[in-house]
Amino acid sequence: MATKYRGPKGASWAAQAFESKTAKAGGVVRRSVAAAKKANGYHDLINMARTRGYAILLGGGQIVIFCNTDRVINALTGAPI
């Protein structure tokens, strides 16, 4: 059974991540890898973020997307990610 989607009419599960107030304000959105795969939206989510030039991190079963084009830097090493 697919995950229920409550976003804008006609938008895909992946697109709803970028319709949130947080994403529109240039913030950080997080989605579970399992939920993305269950909704068949994993690749769409990654591709939509990449198209927008956003940094994407995967870890702990989560997809973390920085919804801006600022550089993401490793806090431990100071190196860009």
Protein backbone atom coordinates (compact mmCIF):
# COMPACT_ATOMS: atom_id res chain seq x y z
CA MET A 1 0.00 0.00 0.00
CA ALA A 2 1.38 3.41 -0.98
CA THR A 3 1.96 6.20 1.51
CA LYS A 4 -0.88 8.73 1.56
CA TYR A 5 0.10 12.02 0.04
CA ARG A 6 -1.37 15.26 1.33
CA GLY A 7 0.46 17.86 -0.75
CA PRO A 8 -0.63 20.09 -3.63
CA LYS A 9 -3.14 18.49 -5.96
CA GLY A 10 -1.39 16.70 -8.81
CA ALA A 11 2.10 16.97 -7.27
CA SER A 12 4.20 13.85 -6.69
CA TRP A 13 5.26 12.56 -3.30
CA ALA A 14 8.78 13.83 -3.95
CA ALA A 15 7.57 17.28 -5.04
CA GLN A 16 5.81 17.85 -1.71
CA ALA A 17 9.20 18.09 0.03
CA PHE A 18 9.97 21.23 -1.96
CA GLU A 19 6.51 22.75 -1.37
CA SER A 20 7.01 23.01 2.40
CA LYS A 21 7.53 26.38 4.08
CA THR A 22 10.95 25.22 5.26
CA ALA A 23 12.13 24.34 1.77
CA LYS A 24 10.79 27.56 0.27
CA ALA A 25 12.66 29.53 2.96
CA GLY A 26 15.95 27.82 2.04
CA GLY A 27 15.95 25.48 5.04
CA VAL A 28 16.66 21.80 5.50
CA VAL A 29 14.17 19.02 4.77
CA ARG A 30 14.51 15.43 5.86
CA ARG A 31 12.73 12.35 4.60
CA SER A 32 13.20 8.72 5.50
CA VAL A 33 14.76 6.53 2.83
CA ALA A 34 12.20 3.82 3.62
CA ALA A 35 9.25 6.21 3.13
CA ALA A 36 10.74 7.50 -0.13
CA LYS A 37 11.16 3.98 -1.48
CA LYS A 38 7.70 2.93 -0.26
CA ALA A 39 6.16 5.86 -2.13
CA ASN A 40 8.33 5.12 -5.20
CA GLY A 41 9.75 8.62 -4.85
CA TYR A 42 13.37 8.01 -3.87
CA HIS A 43 14.95 8.69 -7.27
CA ASP A 44 12.53 11.55 -8.00
CA LEU A 45 13.44 13.25 -4.71
CA ILE A 46 17.17 12.94 -5.37
CA ASN A 47 16.81 14.12 -8.98
CA MET A 48 14.64 17.10 -8.02
CA ALA A 49 17.17 18.20 -5.40
CA ARG A 50 20.08 17.73 -7.81
CA THR A 51 18.29 19.74 -10.52
CA ARG A 52 17.86 22.61 -8.07
CA GLY A 53 21.55 22.49 -7.13
CA TYR A 54 20.87 21.47 -3.52
CA ALA A 55 23.26 19.48 -1.34
CA ILE A 56 21.97 16.00 -0.45
CA LEU A 57 23.25 13.84 2.40
CA LEU A 58 22.31 10.25 3.20
CA GLY A 59 22.81 8.70 6.61
CA GLY A 60 21.01 6.78 9.32
CA GLY A 61 18.21 5.86 6.93
CA GLN A 62 17.50 9.55 6.24
CA ILE A 63 17.77 11.81 3.22
CA VAL A 64 18.78 15.33 4.24
CA ILE A 65 18.40 18.09 1.66
CA PHE A 66 19.76 21.61 2.12
CA CYS A 67 17.24 23.65 0.11
CA ASN A 68 19.67 26.37 -0.91
CA THR A 69 22.82 26.54 -2.98
CA ASP A 70 25.16 27.47 -0.12
CA ARG A 71 28.23 25.28 0.39
CA VAL A 72 27.90 22.48 2.91
CA ILE A 73 31.00 22.06 5.07
CA ASN A 74 32.08 19.19 7.32
CA ALA A 75 32.11 20.71 10.83
CA LEU A 76 34.91 18.39 11.96
CA THR A 77 37.37 18.97 9.14
CA GLY A 78 36.25 22.26 7.62
CA ALA A 79 36.29 20.60 4.20
CA PRO A 80 33.42 21.10 1.76
CA ILE A 81 31.11 18.13 1.39
